[in-house]
Amino acid sequence: ATPRQLESLVRLSEALAKMRYSDVVERKDAQEAVRLMRVATQAAATDPRTGRIDMDMIATGRSSNDREKDEQMAIALKELFAERRGQRMAV
C-alpha cells in the first residue's frame, strides 16, 4: 500500500471508532476500513465494458484498453503523415 492509502485507512478506522462514540480504534474498526478500501478500489478499478479489474482506471481514469487503442491510432496517424509528407490531403 502507498503512504496515501495507509493514511486513508487510519482516517477511516478513526471515523468508524467515532461512529461508535469511542476514542479508541479497535481491531474491528481497522478490519472494516480495509474491507471498505478493497470494495471501493474494486469498484473504481473495474472496466465497465469487460468487467475486469484494471488498475489503470484508478491511476488515469481510463482503461488500459482505451489507452492502447489511442496509442495505436497515434502510430497510424504518424505513419500516414510520414507517407504523405509534402502532399496535400483532403479533409
N, C-alpha and C. Protein backbone atom coordinates (compact mmCIF):
# COMPACT_ATOMS: atom_id res chain seq x y z
N ALA A 1 0.84 -1.19 0.00
CA ALA A 1 0.00 0.00 0.00
C ALA A 1 0.88 1.24 0.00
N THR A 2 0.37 2.28 -0.61
CA THR A 2 1.09 3.54 -0.64
C THR A 2 0.89 4.28 0.67
N PRO A 3 1.76 5.24 0.99
CA PRO A 3 1.55 6.03 2.21
C PRO A 3 0.19 6.72 2.21
N ARG A 4 -0.24 7.16 1.06
CA ARG A 4 -1.55 7.81 0.98
C ARG A 4 -2.68 6.84 1.34
N GLN A 5 -2.57 5.61 0.86
CA GLN A 5 -3.58 4.60 1.17
C GLN A 5 -3.57 4.26 2.66
N LEU A 6 -2.37 4.17 3.24
CA LEU A 6 -2.27 3.87 4.66
C LEU A 6 -2.88 4.99 5.50
N GLU A 7 -2.64 6.23 5.11
CA GLU A 7 -3.24 7.35 5.81
C GLU A 7 -4.76 7.31 5.71
N SER A 8 -5.26 6.92 4.55
CA SER A 8 -6.71 6.79 4.37
C SER A 8 -7.28 5.71 5.27
N LEU A 9 -6.55 4.61 5.41
CA LEU A 9 -7.01 3.54 6.30
C LEU A 9 -7.05 4.01 7.75
N VAL A 10 -6.07 4.80 8.14
CA VAL A 10 -6.07 5.33 9.51
C VAL A 10 -7.27 6.24 9.71
N ARG A 11 -7.51 7.15 8.77
CA ARG A 11 -8.65 8.06 8.89
C ARG A 11 -9.97 7.31 8.91
N LEU A 12 -10.11 6.31 8.04
CA LEU A 12 -11.33 5.50 8.04
C LEU A 12 -11.53 4.78 9.36
N SER A 13 -10.46 4.20 9.89
CA SER A 13 -10.54 3.49 11.17
C SER A 13 -10.96 4.43 12.29
N GLU A 14 -10.38 5.62 12.30
CA GLU A 14 -10.74 6.61 13.33
C GLU A 14 -12.20 7.04 13.19
N ALA A 15 -12.65 7.23 11.96
CA ALA A 15 -14.04 7.62 11.74
C ALA A 15 -15.01 6.53 12.18
N LEU A 16 -14.65 5.29 11.91
CA LEU A 16 -15.50 4.17 12.34
C LEU A 16 -15.58 4.10 13.86
N ALA A 17 -14.46 4.35 14.54
CA ALA A 17 -14.47 4.36 16.01
C ALA A 17 -15.35 5.50 16.51
N LYS A 18 -15.26 6.66 15.90
CA LYS A 18 -16.08 7.81 16.32
C LYS A 18 -17.55 7.53 16.12
N MET A 19 -17.89 6.77 15.08
CA MET A 19 -19.30 6.41 14.86
C MET A 19 -19.84 5.55 16.01
N ARG A 20 -18.93 4.85 16.69
CA ARG A 20 -19.32 4.06 17.86
C ARG A 20 -19.17 4.88 19.14
N TYR A 21 -18.89 6.17 19.00
CA TYR A 21 -18.66 7.06 20.14
C TYR A 21 -17.49 6.58 20.99
N SER A 22 -16.44 6.10 20.34
CA SER A 22 -15.27 5.62 21.04
C SER A 22 -14.05 6.47 20.68
N ASP A 23 -13.20 6.71 21.66
CA ASP A 23 -11.95 7.42 21.43
C ASP A 23 -10.83 6.46 21.03
N VAL A 24 -11.12 5.17 21.08
CA VAL A 24 -10.11 4.15 20.81
C VAL A 24 -10.50 3.38 19.55
N VAL A 25 -9.52 3.27 18.64
CA VAL A 25 -9.73 2.47 17.43
C VAL A 25 -9.46 1.01 17.78
N GLU A 26 -10.43 0.16 17.49
CA GLU A 26 -10.30 -1.26 17.78
C GLU A 26 -9.98 -2.03 16.50
N ARG A 27 -9.60 -3.28 16.69
CA ARG A 27 -9.27 -4.14 15.55
C ARG A 27 -10.41 -4.19 14.54
N LYS A 28 -11.65 -4.26 15.02
CA LYS A 28 -12.79 -4.36 14.11
C LYS A 28 -12.93 -3.09 13.26
N ASP A 29 -12.52 -1.93 13.79
CA ASP A 29 -12.55 -0.69 13.01
C ASP A 29 -11.54 -0.76 11.86
N ALA A 30 -10.35 -1.22 12.18
CA ALA A 30 -9.31 -1.34 11.15
C ALA A 30 -9.70 -2.38 10.10
N GLN A 31 -10.28 -3.49 10.53
CA GLN A 31 -10.70 -4.52 9.58
C GLN A 31 -11.78 -4.01 8.65
N GLU A 32 -12.73 -3.24 9.21
CA GLU A 32 -13.80 -2.68 8.37
C GLU A 32 -13.23 -1.63 7.42
N ALA A 33 -12.26 -0.86 7.85
CA ALA A 33 -11.62 0.13 6.97
C ALA A 33 -10.94 -0.57 5.79
N VAL A 34 -10.26 -1.66 6.06
CA VAL A 34 -9.60 -2.42 5.00
C VAL A 34 -10.64 -2.98 4.04
N ARG A 35 -11.74 -3.50 4.57
CA ARG A 35 -12.80 -4.05 3.73
C ARG A 35 -13.40 -2.95 2.84
N LEU A 36 -13.67 -1.79 3.42
CA LEU A 36 -14.22 -0.69 2.65
C LEU A 36 -13.27 -0.24 1.55
N MET A 37 -11.98 -0.18 1.87
CA MET A 37 -10.98 0.23 0.89
C MET A 37 -10.93 -0.77 -0.27
N ARG A 38 -10.99 -2.06 0.05
CA ARG A 38 -10.96 -3.08 -1.01
C ARG A 38 -12.18 -2.97 -1.92
N VAL A 39 -13.35 -2.78 -1.33
CA VAL A 39 -14.58 -2.67 -2.12
C VAL A 39 -14.52 -1.43 -3.00
N ALA A 40 -14.08 -0.30 -2.44
CA ALA A 40 -14.00 0.94 -3.22
C ALA A 40 -12.98 0.81 -4.35
N THR A 41 -11.85 0.19 -4.06
CA THR A 41 -10.82 0.02 -5.08
C THR A 41 -11.33 -0.89 -6.19
N GLN A 42 -11.99 -1.96 -5.82
CA GLN A 42 -12.51 -2.88 -6.82
C GLN A 42 -13.54 -2.19 -7.70
N ALA A 43 -14.43 -1.41 -7.09
CA ALA A 43 -15.46 -0.72 -7.86
C ALA A 43 -14.84 0.31 -8.80
N ALA A 44 -13.84 1.04 -8.32
CA ALA A 44 -13.22 2.08 -9.13
C ALA A 44 -12.34 1.51 -10.23
N ALA A 45 -11.81 0.32 -10.03
CA ALA A 45 -10.86 -0.25 -10.99
C ALA A 45 -11.51 -1.20 -11.98
N THR A 46 -12.81 -1.41 -11.89
CA THR A 46 -13.47 -2.35 -12.79
C THR A 46 -13.83 -1.67 -14.09
N ASP A 47 -13.34 -2.22 -15.19
CA ASP A 47 -13.66 -1.70 -16.52
C ASP A 47 -15.11 -2.09 -16.82
N PRO A 48 -16.00 -1.12 -17.03
CA PRO A 48 -17.41 -1.44 -17.23
C PRO A 48 -17.69 -2.27 -18.48
N ARG A 49 -16.80 -2.18 -19.47
CA ARG A 49 -17.02 -2.96 -20.70
C ARG A 49 -16.62 -4.42 -20.56
N THR A 50 -15.55 -4.67 -19.82
CA THR A 50 -15.05 -6.04 -19.72
C THR A 50 -15.41 -6.70 -18.40
N GLY A 51 -15.68 -5.88 -17.37
CA GLY A 51 -15.94 -6.42 -16.05
C GLY A 51 -14.68 -6.86 -15.33
N ARG A 52 -13.52 -6.60 -15.94
CA ARG A 52 -12.24 -7.00 -15.35
C ARG A 52 -11.64 -5.83 -14.58
N ILE A 53 -10.87 -6.17 -13.56
CA ILE A 53 -10.20 -5.15 -12.77
C ILE A 53 -9.00 -4.63 -13.56
N ASP A 54 -8.94 -3.30 -13.69
CA ASP A 54 -7.90 -2.65 -14.47
C ASP A 54 -7.40 -1.45 -13.65
N MET A 55 -6.21 -1.58 -13.06
CA MET A 55 -5.70 -0.54 -12.17
C MET A 55 -5.43 0.77 -12.91
N ASP A 56 -5.34 0.74 -14.24
CA ASP A 56 -5.20 1.98 -14.99
C ASP A 56 -6.43 2.87 -14.80
N MET A 57 -7.57 2.27 -14.53
CA MET A 57 -8.79 3.04 -14.31
C MET A 57 -8.62 3.96 -13.10
N ILE A 58 -7.92 3.50 -12.08
CA ILE A 58 -7.70 4.33 -10.90
C ILE A 58 -6.60 5.34 -11.16
N ALA A 59 -5.53 4.91 -11.77
CA ALA A 59 -4.36 5.78 -11.97
C ALA A 59 -4.63 6.89 -12.98
N THR A 60 -5.35 6.57 -14.06
CA THR A 60 -5.52 7.54 -15.14
C THR A 60 -6.96 7.89 -15.45
N GLY A 61 -7.90 7.12 -14.91
CA GLY A 61 -9.30 7.35 -15.24
C GLY A 61 -9.71 6.72 -16.57
N ARG A 62 -8.77 6.03 -17.20
CA ARG A 62 -9.02 5.37 -18.48
C ARG A 62 -8.55 3.93 -18.40
N SER A 63 -9.21 3.06 -19.13
CA SER A 63 -8.79 1.66 -19.12
C SER A 63 -7.52 1.49 -19.94
N SER A 64 -6.79 0.42 -19.66
CA SER A 64 -5.58 0.15 -20.43
C SER A 64 -5.95 -0.13 -21.89
N ASN A 65 -7.12 -0.71 -22.12
CA ASN A 65 -7.58 -0.98 -23.48
C ASN A 65 -7.77 0.33 -24.25
N ASP A 66 -8.41 1.33 -23.61
CA ASP A 66 -8.59 2.64 -24.26
C ASP A 66 -7.24 3.29 -24.55
N ARG A 67 -6.33 3.20 -23.60
CA ARG A 67 -5.01 3.80 -23.77
C ARG A 67 -4.27 3.14 -24.94
N GLU A 68 -4.35 1.80 -25.03
CA GLU A 68 -3.69 1.09 -26.13
C GLU A 68 -4.29 1.47 -27.48
N LYS A 69 -5.61 1.61 -27.54
CA LYS A 69 -6.26 2.00 -28.80
C LYS A 69 -5.81 3.40 -29.22
N ASP A 70 -5.72 4.32 -28.26
CA ASP A 70 -5.25 5.68 -28.57
C ASP A 70 -3.81 5.66 -29.07
N GLU A 71 -2.98 4.83 -28.46
CA GLU A 71 -1.58 4.73 -28.89
C GLU A 71 -1.50 4.17 -30.31
N GLN A 72 -2.32 3.16 -30.61
CA GLN A 72 -2.34 2.59 -31.96
C GLN A 72 -2.80 3.62 -32.98
N MET A 73 -3.80 4.42 -32.63
CA MET A 73 -4.30 5.46 -33.52
C MET A 73 -3.21 6.50 -33.77
N ALA A 74 -2.50 6.90 -32.73
CA ALA A 74 -1.42 7.88 -32.88
C ALA A 74 -0.32 7.35 -33.80
N ILE A 75 0.03 6.09 -33.65
CA ILE A 75 1.06 5.48 -34.51
C ILE A 75 0.58 5.46 -35.96
N ALA A 76 -0.68 5.07 -36.18
CA ALA A 76 -1.22 5.02 -37.54
C ALA A 76 -1.24 6.41 -38.17
N LEU A 77 -1.61 7.42 -37.41
CA LEU A 77 -1.62 8.79 -37.95
C LEU A 77 -0.21 9.27 -38.28
N LYS A 78 0.75 8.97 -37.41
CA LYS A 78 2.13 9.37 -37.68
C LYS A 78 2.64 8.72 -38.96
N GLU A 79 2.31 7.43 -39.16
CA GLU A 79 2.72 6.73 -40.38
C GLU A 79 2.08 7.35 -41.61
N LEU A 80 0.79 7.68 -41.51
CA LEU A 80 0.08 8.30 -42.63
C LEU A 80 0.71 9.64 -42.98
N PHE A 81 0.97 10.46 -41.97
CA PHE A 81 1.57 11.77 -42.22
C PHE A 81 2.97 11.64 -42.81
N ALA A 82 3.72 10.64 -42.35
CA ALA A 82 5.07 10.43 -42.89
C ALA A 82 5.00 10.02 -44.36
N GLU A 83 4.03 9.18 -44.72
CA GLU A 83 3.86 8.75 -46.11
C GLU A 83 3.46 9.92 -47.01
N ARG A 84 2.66 10.81 -46.50
CA ARG A 84 2.10 11.90 -47.30
C ARG A 84 2.83 13.22 -47.10
N ARG A 85 4.00 13.17 -46.54
CA ARG A 85 4.77 14.39 -46.26
C ARG A 85 4.92 15.20 -47.55
N GLY A 86 4.56 16.47 -47.47
CA GLY A 86 4.69 17.36 -48.62
C GLY A 86 3.52 17.26 -49.58
N GLN A 87 2.59 16.35 -49.39
CA GLN A 87 1.44 16.21 -50.26
C GLN A 87 0.22 16.83 -49.60
N ARG A 88 -0.69 17.29 -50.41
CA ARG A 88 -1.94 17.83 -49.88
C ARG A 88 -2.86 16.66 -49.53
N MET A 89 -3.60 16.85 -48.47
CA MET A 89 -4.55 15.80 -48.06
C MET A 89 -5.94 16.41 -47.94
N ALA A 90 -6.94 15.73 -48.49
CA ALA A 90 -8.31 16.20 -48.39
C ALA A 90 -8.83 15.95 -46.98
N VAL A 91 -9.65 16.84 -46.54
CA VAL A 91 -10.21 16.70 -45.19
C VAL A 91 -11.63 16.23 -45.26
